[in-house]
N, C-alpha and C. Protein backbone atom coordinates (compact mmCIF):
# COMPACT_ATOMS: atom_id res chain seq x y z
N MET A 1 19.36 -18.99 -7.10
CA MET A 1 19.34 -19.68 -5.65
C MET A 1 18.11 -19.08 -4.81
N PHE A 2 17.74 -17.85 -4.99
CA PHE A 2 16.50 -17.33 -4.16
C PHE A 2 15.30 -18.07 -4.83
N PHE A 3 15.25 -18.28 -6.02
CA PHE A 3 13.93 -18.83 -6.65
C PHE A 3 13.98 -20.28 -6.15
N SER A 4 15.05 -21.01 -6.06
CA SER A 4 14.90 -22.53 -5.62
C SER A 4 14.54 -22.60 -4.18
N LEU A 5 15.02 -21.63 -3.40
CA LEU A 5 14.56 -21.61 -1.93
C LEU A 5 13.19 -21.31 -1.83
N LYS A 6 12.62 -20.30 -2.62
CA LYS A 6 11.28 -19.93 -2.54
C LYS A 6 10.43 -21.21 -3.05
N HIS A 7 10.81 -21.91 -4.02
CA HIS A 7 10.14 -23.03 -4.55
C HIS A 7 10.13 -24.22 -3.49
N LYS A 8 11.13 -24.46 -2.80
CA LYS A 8 11.13 -25.42 -1.76
C LYS A 8 10.24 -24.92 -0.59
N LYS A 9 10.10 -23.75 -0.29
CA LYS A 9 9.39 -23.28 0.76
C LYS A 9 7.89 -23.51 0.38
N ASN A 10 7.52 -23.22 -0.92
CA ASN A 10 6.10 -23.39 -1.39
C ASN A 10 5.86 -24.87 -1.42
N GLN A 11 6.87 -25.70 -1.78
CA GLN A 11 6.57 -27.22 -1.77
C GLN A 11 6.31 -27.72 -0.47
N LYS A 12 7.04 -27.30 0.40
CA LYS A 12 6.84 -27.70 1.94
C LYS A 12 5.44 -27.20 2.40
N GLN A 13 5.12 -25.95 2.14
CA GLN A 13 3.91 -25.40 2.51
C GLN A 13 2.70 -26.35 1.91
N HIS A 14 2.86 -26.49 0.69
CA HIS A 14 1.87 -27.29 -0.21
C HIS A 14 1.71 -28.60 0.54
N SER A 15 2.70 -29.42 0.78
CA SER A 15 2.66 -30.66 1.27
C SER A 15 2.05 -30.72 2.63
N GLN A 16 2.42 -29.53 3.45
CA GLN A 16 1.73 -29.46 4.70
C GLN A 16 0.25 -29.18 4.67
N ASN A 17 -0.18 -28.48 3.59
CA ASN A 17 -1.65 -28.23 3.38
C ASN A 17 -2.31 -29.55 2.98
N LEU A 18 -1.58 -30.29 2.16
CA LEU A 18 -2.18 -31.64 1.85
C LEU A 18 -2.33 -32.44 2.97
N LYS A 19 -1.42 -32.56 3.83
CA LYS A 19 -1.57 -33.41 5.11
C LYS A 19 -2.71 -32.87 5.89
N THR A 20 -2.82 -31.69 6.06
CA THR A 20 -3.91 -31.02 6.91
C THR A 20 -5.31 -31.36 6.27
N ASN A 21 -5.31 -31.17 5.03
CA ASN A 21 -6.62 -31.63 4.18
C ASN A 21 -6.92 -33.06 4.24
N LYS A 22 -5.95 -33.82 4.23
CA LYS A 22 -6.14 -35.38 4.40
C LYS A 22 -6.68 -35.62 5.77
N VAL A 23 -6.12 -35.05 6.78
CA VAL A 23 -6.68 -35.36 8.17
C VAL A 23 -8.15 -34.92 8.30
N ALA A 24 -8.39 -33.67 7.71
CA ALA A 24 -9.73 -33.12 7.75
C ALA A 24 -10.69 -34.11 7.10
N ALA A 25 -10.29 -34.50 5.89
CA ALA A 25 -11.11 -35.39 5.16
C ALA A 25 -11.34 -36.74 5.90
N MET A 26 -10.37 -37.33 6.58
CA MET A 26 -10.54 -38.46 7.32
C MET A 26 -11.52 -38.25 8.46
N TRP A 27 -11.40 -37.20 9.15
CA TRP A 27 -12.46 -36.97 10.18
C TRP A 27 -13.83 -36.66 9.55
N ALA A 28 -13.87 -36.06 8.55
CA ALA A 28 -15.29 -35.96 7.91
C ALA A 28 -15.95 -37.29 7.67
N ILE A 29 -15.03 -38.20 7.05
CA ILE A 29 -15.61 -39.55 6.66
C ILE A 29 -15.95 -40.26 7.90
N ARG A 30 -15.17 -40.13 8.89
CA ARG A 30 -15.52 -40.85 10.18
C ARG A 30 -16.90 -40.31 10.78
N CYS A 31 -17.01 -38.98 10.74
CA CYS A 31 -18.30 -38.45 11.22
C CYS A 31 -19.39 -38.85 10.48
N ILE A 32 -19.35 -38.84 9.24
CA ILE A 32 -20.41 -39.24 8.24
C ILE A 32 -20.77 -40.78 8.53
N HIS A 33 -19.77 -41.48 8.76
CA HIS A 33 -19.97 -42.98 8.98
C HIS A 33 -20.69 -43.24 10.27
N ALA A 34 -20.42 -42.32 11.40
CA ALA A 34 -21.10 -42.64 12.54
C ALA A 34 -22.61 -42.06 12.54
N GLN A 35 -22.75 -40.98 11.71
CA GLN A 35 -24.02 -40.64 11.48
C GLN A 35 -24.85 -41.52 10.82
N PHE A 36 -24.33 -42.29 9.82
CA PHE A 36 -24.93 -43.26 9.17
C PHE A 36 -25.33 -44.46 10.00
N LYS A 37 -24.52 -44.86 10.98
CA LYS A 37 -24.82 -45.92 11.82
C LYS A 37 -25.97 -45.48 12.81
N VAL A 38 -25.94 -44.30 13.35
CA VAL A 38 -26.94 -43.84 14.25
C VAL A 38 -28.27 -43.75 13.52
N ALA A 39 -28.34 -43.36 12.28
CA ALA A 39 -29.52 -43.18 11.52
C ALA A 39 -30.04 -44.57 11.12
N SER A 40 -29.18 -45.49 10.82
CA SER A 40 -29.60 -46.86 10.54
C SER A 40 -30.23 -47.73 11.93
N LEU A 41 -29.64 -47.26 13.00
CA LEU A 41 -30.20 -47.88 14.23
C LEU A 41 -31.46 -47.29 14.55
N LEU A 42 -31.73 -45.88 14.44
CA LEU A 42 -33.03 -45.30 14.74
C LEU A 42 -34.05 -45.74 13.49
N GLN A 43 -33.76 -45.98 12.33
CA GLN A 43 -34.58 -46.47 11.44
C GLN A 43 -35.07 -47.84 11.72
N ALA A 44 -34.16 -48.66 12.14
CA ALA A 44 -34.53 -50.08 12.42
C ALA A 44 -35.45 -50.09 13.65
N LYS A 45 -35.11 -49.26 14.59
CA LYS A 45 -36.14 -49.10 15.75
C LYS A 45 -37.43 -48.59 15.47
N SER A 46 -37.55 -47.54 14.55
CA SER A 46 -38.82 -46.93 14.25
C SER A 46 -39.61 -47.89 13.19
N GLU A 47 -38.95 -48.71 12.55
CA GLU A 47 -39.71 -49.69 11.61
C GLU A 47 -40.40 -50.75 12.43
N LYS A 48 -40.05 -50.99 13.63
CA LYS A 48 -40.74 -51.96 14.57
C LYS A 48 -42.03 -51.45 15.03
N LEU A 49 -42.28 -50.12 14.99
CA LEU A 49 -43.47 -49.68 15.51
C LEU A 49 -44.56 -49.78 14.46
N SER A 50 -45.90 -49.79 15.13
CA SER A 50 -46.99 -49.80 14.26
C SER A 50 -47.28 -48.44 13.48
N LEU A 51 -48.18 -48.53 12.62
CA LEU A 51 -48.61 -47.12 11.99
C LEU A 51 -49.28 -46.41 12.96
N ASN A 52 -50.34 -46.93 13.80
CA ASN A 52 -50.97 -46.15 14.83
C ASN A 52 -50.06 -45.59 15.93
N THR A 53 -49.02 -46.26 16.21
CA THR A 53 -48.00 -45.84 17.26
C THR A 53 -47.32 -44.54 16.63
N LYS A 54 -46.88 -44.78 15.40
CA LYS A 54 -46.27 -43.52 14.71
C LYS A 54 -47.08 -42.39 14.71
N ARG A 55 -48.36 -42.56 14.37
CA ARG A 55 -49.37 -41.52 14.36
C ARG A 55 -49.50 -40.79 15.65
N LEU A 56 -49.62 -41.59 16.72
CA LEU A 56 -49.73 -41.18 18.06
C LEU A 56 -48.56 -40.36 18.52
N ILE A 57 -47.51 -40.71 18.01
CA ILE A 57 -46.16 -39.99 18.50
C ILE A 57 -46.12 -38.71 17.77
N VAL A 58 -46.48 -38.44 16.52
CA VAL A 58 -46.59 -37.37 15.89
C VAL A 58 -47.60 -36.40 16.40
N VAL A 59 -48.83 -36.96 16.77
CA VAL A 59 -49.94 -35.98 17.24
C VAL A 59 -49.61 -35.64 18.78
N ALA A 60 -48.92 -36.48 19.47
CA ALA A 60 -48.43 -36.10 20.80
C ALA A 60 -47.43 -34.95 20.79
N PHE A 61 -46.52 -35.07 19.85
CA PHE A 61 -45.51 -34.17 19.73
C PHE A 61 -46.06 -32.73 19.35
N SER A 62 -46.98 -32.76 18.25
CA SER A 62 -47.63 -31.62 17.75
C SER A 62 -48.48 -30.91 18.97
N VAL A 63 -49.14 -31.66 19.77
CA VAL A 63 -49.93 -31.16 20.84
C VAL A 63 -49.15 -30.51 21.91
N ILE A 64 -48.21 -31.15 22.27
CA ILE A 64 -47.14 -30.60 23.28
C ILE A 64 -46.56 -29.46 22.80
N SER A 65 -46.01 -29.50 21.52
CA SER A 65 -45.40 -28.09 20.96
C SER A 65 -46.50 -26.90 20.91
N PHE A 66 -47.61 -27.18 20.48
CA PHE A 66 -48.58 -26.18 20.34
C PHE A 66 -49.02 -25.62 21.66
N SER A 67 -49.33 -26.58 22.62
CA SER A 67 -49.69 -26.08 23.97
C SER A 67 -48.57 -25.32 24.64
N SER A 68 -47.32 -25.74 24.32
CA SER A 68 -46.20 -24.92 25.19
C SER A 68 -46.24 -23.51 24.55
N CYS A 69 -46.35 -23.29 23.15
CA CYS A 69 -46.39 -22.10 22.51
C CYS A 69 -47.51 -21.17 23.04
N VAL A 70 -48.81 -21.79 23.10
CA VAL A 70 -49.99 -21.07 23.61
C VAL A 70 -49.59 -20.65 25.15
N TYR A 71 -49.08 -21.48 25.89
CA TYR A 71 -48.74 -21.14 27.27
C TYR A 71 -47.88 -19.93 27.33
N LEU A 72 -46.80 -19.93 26.57
CA LEU A 72 -45.95 -18.72 26.68
C LEU A 72 -46.63 -17.51 26.21
N VAL A 73 -47.43 -17.49 25.16
CA VAL A 73 -48.19 -16.26 24.74
C VAL A 73 -49.05 -15.84 25.74
N VAL A 74 -49.87 -16.68 26.30
CA VAL A 74 -50.83 -16.38 27.39
C VAL A 74 -50.05 -15.74 28.67
N LYS A 75 -49.11 -16.47 29.05
CA LYS A 75 -48.38 -16.06 30.24
C LYS A 75 -47.70 -14.64 30.10
N SER A 76 -47.23 -14.36 28.78
CA SER A 76 -46.64 -13.05 28.51
C SER A 76 -47.67 -11.98 28.52
N SER A 77 -48.82 -12.32 28.04
CA SER A 77 -49.88 -11.23 27.93
C SER A 77 -50.52 -11.01 29.16
N LEU A 78 -50.74 -11.90 30.07
CA LEU A 78 -51.43 -11.82 31.32
C LEU A 78 -50.64 -11.13 32.48
N VAL A 79 -49.40 -11.22 32.36
CA VAL A 79 -48.53 -10.71 33.47
C VAL A 79 -48.37 -9.16 33.30
N ASN A 80 -48.72 -8.40 34.40
CA ASN A 80 -48.75 -7.07 34.38
C ASN A 80 -47.45 -6.58 35.03
N GLN A 81 -46.40 -6.37 34.31
CA GLN A 81 -45.19 -5.90 34.81
C GLN A 81 -44.93 -4.48 34.31
N ASN A 82 -44.61 -3.57 35.14
CA ASN A 82 -44.22 -2.19 34.56
C ASN A 82 -42.64 -2.25 34.28
N ILE A 83 -42.48 -2.38 33.09
CA ILE A 83 -40.97 -2.34 32.63
C ILE A 83 -40.61 -0.97 32.22
N ASP A 84 -39.55 -0.60 33.03
CA ASP A 84 -39.16 0.85 32.80
C ASP A 84 -37.80 0.83 31.93
N LEU A 85 -37.94 1.11 30.67
CA LEU A 85 -36.78 1.16 29.83
C LEU A 85 -36.20 2.58 29.78
N SER A 86 -35.00 2.76 30.07
CA SER A 86 -34.42 3.91 29.98
C SER A 86 -32.93 3.87 29.26
N ILE A 87 -32.69 4.95 28.75
CA ILE A 87 -31.40 5.02 27.99
C ILE A 87 -30.38 5.73 28.79
N ALA A 88 -29.28 5.12 29.11
CA ALA A 88 -28.19 5.67 29.82
C ALA A 88 -26.85 5.76 28.97
N ALA A 89 -26.17 6.86 29.21
CA ALA A 89 -24.90 7.02 28.58
C ALA A 89 -23.78 5.95 29.18
N ILE A 90 -23.11 5.47 28.35
CA ILE A 90 -22.01 4.63 28.71
C ILE A 90 -20.72 5.48 28.97
N GLU A 91 -20.07 5.32 30.15
CA GLU A 91 -18.95 6.03 30.30
C GLU A 91 -17.63 5.12 30.34
N VAL A 92 -16.70 5.53 29.46
CA VAL A 92 -15.74 4.54 29.11
C VAL A 92 -14.45 5.33 29.88
N PRO A 93 -13.75 4.62 30.81
CA PRO A 93 -12.53 5.25 31.47
C PRO A 93 -11.56 5.48 30.40
N GLU A 94 -10.63 6.55 30.95
CA GLU A 94 -9.72 7.14 29.96
C GLU A 94 -8.59 6.13 29.64
N HIS A 95 -8.35 5.21 30.63
CA HIS A 95 -7.20 4.26 30.32
C HIS A 95 -7.55 3.16 29.52
N ILE A 96 -8.80 3.01 29.11
CA ILE A 96 -9.12 1.96 28.38
C ILE A 96 -9.00 2.23 26.86
N LEU A 97 -9.16 3.61 26.53
CA LEU A 97 -8.98 4.05 25.23
C LEU A 97 -7.63 3.84 24.61
N GLN A 98 -7.60 3.31 23.46
CA GLN A 98 -6.19 3.05 22.94
C GLN A 98 -5.82 4.40 22.30
N ASN A 99 -4.57 4.44 21.89
CA ASN A 99 -3.89 5.64 21.41
C ASN A 99 -4.71 6.18 20.14
N GLU A 100 -5.00 5.18 19.23
CA GLU A 100 -5.69 5.63 18.05
C GLU A 100 -7.18 6.04 18.15
N ASP A 101 -7.73 5.55 19.43
CA ASP A 101 -9.02 5.94 19.69
C ASP A 101 -9.28 7.22 20.38
N LYS A 102 -8.13 7.75 20.93
CA LYS A 102 -8.25 9.00 21.68
C LYS A 102 -8.65 10.23 20.72
N PRO A 103 -9.36 11.19 21.25
CA PRO A 103 -9.64 12.36 20.44
C PRO A 103 -8.49 13.06 20.04
N LEU A 104 -8.48 13.73 18.81
CA LEU A 104 -7.32 14.38 18.25
C LEU A 104 -7.06 15.64 19.00
N GLY A 105 -6.07 15.79 19.54
CA GLY A 105 -5.63 17.02 20.22
C GLY A 105 -4.92 17.97 19.33
N PRO A 106 -4.34 18.99 19.78
CA PRO A 106 -3.68 20.06 19.03
C PRO A 106 -2.37 19.41 18.35
N SER A 107 -1.75 18.44 19.05
CA SER A 107 -0.48 17.90 18.43
C SER A 107 -0.87 16.86 17.33
N LYS A 108 -2.06 16.41 17.19
CA LYS A 108 -2.39 15.48 16.03
C LYS A 108 -3.14 16.17 14.92
N ARG A 109 -2.48 17.23 14.49
CA ARG A 109 -3.09 17.94 13.37
C ARG A 109 -2.22 17.63 12.12
N VAL A 110 -2.76 17.79 11.04
CA VAL A 110 -2.03 17.69 9.72
C VAL A 110 -1.56 19.01 9.25
N SER A 111 -0.27 19.23 9.33
CA SER A 111 0.22 20.44 8.84
C SER A 111 0.18 20.68 7.22
N LYS A 112 0.40 21.92 6.87
CA LYS A 112 0.18 22.09 5.38
C LYS A 112 1.38 21.31 4.62
N SER A 113 2.60 21.38 5.17
CA SER A 113 3.69 20.62 4.47
C SER A 113 3.36 19.25 4.53
N GLU A 114 2.92 18.59 5.42
CA GLU A 114 2.61 17.09 5.45
C GLU A 114 1.43 16.92 4.44
N PHE A 115 0.47 17.79 4.30
CA PHE A 115 -0.59 17.58 3.39
C PHE A 115 -0.10 17.73 2.01
N GLU A 116 0.83 18.56 1.78
CA GLU A 116 1.47 18.75 0.38
C GLU A 116 2.20 17.52 0.03
N LYS A 117 2.89 16.81 1.04
CA LYS A 117 3.58 15.51 0.73
C LYS A 117 2.62 14.54 0.42
N VAL A 118 1.53 14.47 1.09
CA VAL A 118 0.38 13.51 0.79
C VAL A 118 -0.08 13.65 -0.69
N LYS A 119 -0.33 14.95 -1.02
CA LYS A 119 -0.86 15.20 -2.28
C LYS A 119 0.21 14.80 -3.38
N LYS A 120 1.41 15.05 -3.14
CA LYS A 120 2.48 14.61 -4.03
C LYS A 120 2.48 13.11 -4.34
N PHE A 121 2.46 12.52 -3.15
CA PHE A 121 2.41 10.96 -3.20
C PHE A 121 1.21 10.42 -4.03
N ARG A 122 0.07 11.07 -3.66
CA ARG A 122 -1.18 10.57 -4.26
C ARG A 122 -1.15 10.86 -5.80
N ALA A 123 -0.40 12.00 -6.26
CA ALA A 123 -0.27 12.25 -7.70
C ALA A 123 0.72 11.32 -8.22
N TYR A 124 1.79 10.82 -7.62
CA TYR A 124 2.70 9.86 -7.98
C TYR A 124 2.05 8.54 -8.29
N LEU A 125 1.19 8.18 -7.28
CA LEU A 125 0.38 6.89 -7.33
C LEU A 125 -0.61 6.97 -8.60
N ASP A 126 -1.13 8.04 -8.82
CA ASP A 126 -2.00 8.24 -10.03
C ASP A 126 -1.30 8.07 -11.26
N SER A 127 -0.08 8.81 -11.31
CA SER A 127 0.68 8.58 -12.49
C SER A 127 1.10 7.27 -12.84
N LEU A 128 1.53 6.57 -11.64
CA LEU A 128 1.92 5.08 -11.91
C LEU A 128 0.75 4.29 -12.41
N ALA A 129 -0.44 4.61 -11.90
CA ALA A 129 -1.68 3.68 -12.26
C ALA A 129 -2.00 3.93 -13.70
N THR A 130 -1.68 5.11 -14.34
CA THR A 130 -2.09 5.33 -15.69
C THR A 130 -1.13 4.77 -16.68
N SER A 131 0.14 4.65 -16.33
CA SER A 131 1.08 4.11 -17.43
C SER A 131 1.22 2.60 -17.22
N ASN A 132 1.44 2.02 -18.34
CA ASN A 132 1.51 0.56 -18.39
C ASN A 132 2.71 -0.04 -17.64
N SER A 133 3.94 0.70 -17.80
CA SER A 133 5.08 0.26 -17.03
C SER A 133 5.08 0.45 -15.58
N GLY A 134 4.30 1.52 -15.26
CA GLY A 134 4.12 1.80 -13.70
C GLY A 134 3.13 1.09 -13.12
N ARG A 135 2.29 0.40 -13.76
CA ARG A 135 1.06 -0.38 -13.20
C ARG A 135 1.65 -1.41 -12.09
N ARG A 136 2.73 -2.15 -12.48
CA ARG A 136 3.31 -3.10 -11.59
C ARG A 136 3.75 -2.45 -10.34
N ILE A 137 4.55 -1.45 -10.47
CA ILE A 137 4.87 -0.86 -9.25
C ILE A 137 3.84 -0.23 -8.51
N TYR A 138 2.75 0.24 -9.03
CA TYR A 138 1.52 0.69 -8.37
C TYR A 138 0.97 -0.36 -7.64
N ASP A 139 0.70 -1.54 -8.28
CA ASP A 139 0.17 -2.76 -7.62
C ASP A 139 0.92 -3.11 -6.35
N SER A 140 2.12 -3.17 -6.53
CA SER A 140 2.93 -3.62 -5.38
C SER A 140 2.83 -2.69 -4.22
N ILE A 141 2.89 -1.35 -4.51
CA ILE A 141 2.74 -0.37 -3.50
C ILE A 141 1.42 -0.39 -2.75
N VAL A 142 0.29 -0.55 -3.57
CA VAL A 142 -1.00 -0.66 -2.90
C VAL A 142 -1.33 -2.00 -2.16
N LYS A 143 -0.59 -3.06 -2.75
CA LYS A 143 -0.89 -4.40 -2.11
C LYS A 143 -0.38 -4.61 -0.74
N TYR A 144 0.84 -4.22 -0.68
CA TYR A 144 1.55 -4.58 0.61
C TYR A 144 1.22 -3.85 1.87
N PRO A 145 1.04 -2.46 1.80
CA PRO A 145 0.51 -1.88 2.96
C PRO A 145 -1.04 -1.75 2.83
N PRO A 146 -1.94 -2.71 3.25
CA PRO A 146 -3.34 -2.78 2.99
C PRO A 146 -3.95 -1.52 3.59
N GLY A 147 -4.89 -0.88 2.85
CA GLY A 147 -5.53 0.52 3.36
C GLY A 147 -4.77 1.63 3.11
N LEU A 148 -3.64 1.56 2.27
CA LEU A 148 -2.93 2.77 2.07
C LEU A 148 -3.76 3.84 1.26
N ILE A 149 -4.49 3.54 0.27
CA ILE A 149 -5.30 4.52 -0.38
C ILE A 149 -6.42 5.08 0.64
N ASP A 150 -7.00 4.12 1.19
CA ASP A 150 -8.00 4.64 2.31
C ASP A 150 -7.42 5.58 3.18
N SER A 151 -6.18 5.39 3.77
CA SER A 151 -5.63 6.36 4.69
C SER A 151 -5.28 7.66 4.03
N LEU A 152 -4.77 7.56 2.76
CA LEU A 152 -4.54 8.90 2.08
C LEU A 152 -5.82 9.81 1.81
N VAL A 153 -6.99 9.07 1.55
CA VAL A 153 -8.24 9.67 1.33
C VAL A 153 -8.62 10.32 2.71
N PHE A 154 -8.51 9.50 3.86
CA PHE A 154 -8.91 9.91 5.10
C PHE A 154 -8.06 11.18 5.51
N ILE A 155 -6.81 11.21 5.26
CA ILE A 155 -5.85 12.37 5.62
C ILE A 155 -6.24 13.60 4.92
N GLU A 156 -6.63 13.38 3.49
CA GLU A 156 -7.02 14.58 2.66
C GLU A 156 -8.40 15.06 3.24
N ASN A 157 -9.21 14.30 3.51
CA ASN A 157 -10.57 14.60 3.95
C ASN A 157 -10.46 15.34 5.42
N PHE A 158 -9.50 14.75 6.25
CA PHE A 158 -9.49 15.42 7.52
C PHE A 158 -8.83 16.75 7.35
N TYR A 159 -7.80 16.78 6.56
CA TYR A 159 -7.24 18.29 6.32
C TYR A 159 -8.20 19.21 5.93
N LYS A 160 -8.96 18.72 4.94
CA LYS A 160 -9.91 19.70 4.29
C LYS A 160 -11.01 20.12 5.23
N SER A 161 -11.37 19.17 6.09
CA SER A 161 -12.57 19.53 7.00
C SER A 161 -11.91 20.45 8.12
N HIS A 162 -10.70 20.20 8.58
CA HIS A 162 -10.15 21.15 9.63
C HIS A 162 -9.73 22.51 9.11
N SER A 163 -9.25 22.50 7.82
CA SER A 163 -8.88 23.76 7.24
C SER A 163 -10.04 24.73 6.94
N SER A 164 -11.16 24.07 6.69
CA SER A 164 -12.42 24.92 6.47
C SER A 164 -12.96 25.36 7.66
N ASN A 165 -12.63 24.64 8.92
CA ASN A 165 -13.20 25.21 10.19
C ASN A 165 -12.43 26.38 10.67
N LYS A 166 -11.28 26.72 10.20
CA LYS A 166 -10.49 27.70 10.88
C LYS A 166 -10.95 29.11 10.40
């Protein structure tokens, strides 16, 4: 029964995805059709122009673009502004920091017993990863809480760095 409910849920989600894809494809076709109409209209208008007029438009566009670039370069080099660049520290109010961003106080230390638990769990995961039968369990443990291995490594490094400072 569980498998049939899961299958129905997957079918429903699949049909919903198909509907969404169909609507997106329809909108894409309409946009391409509108672009084609505008391109055809502009092509028809430009074909009525003579060759000399087309050349004049290209030359005018090039001259206007070049002169605007030269103007910006000259203007920026001739203006004498004393720009004072300084570096200032940003002060963040205490209430903006979230709990995980606050500096670690004495209550947020890793005790030796907690570190031993982390080491045992890490050894258990390593033993699961090496055996063929445990590989499936290992994959499911690592997959569902994303970042679990990274968190374990972080805790180990944190404990080692703080235990060496003492």
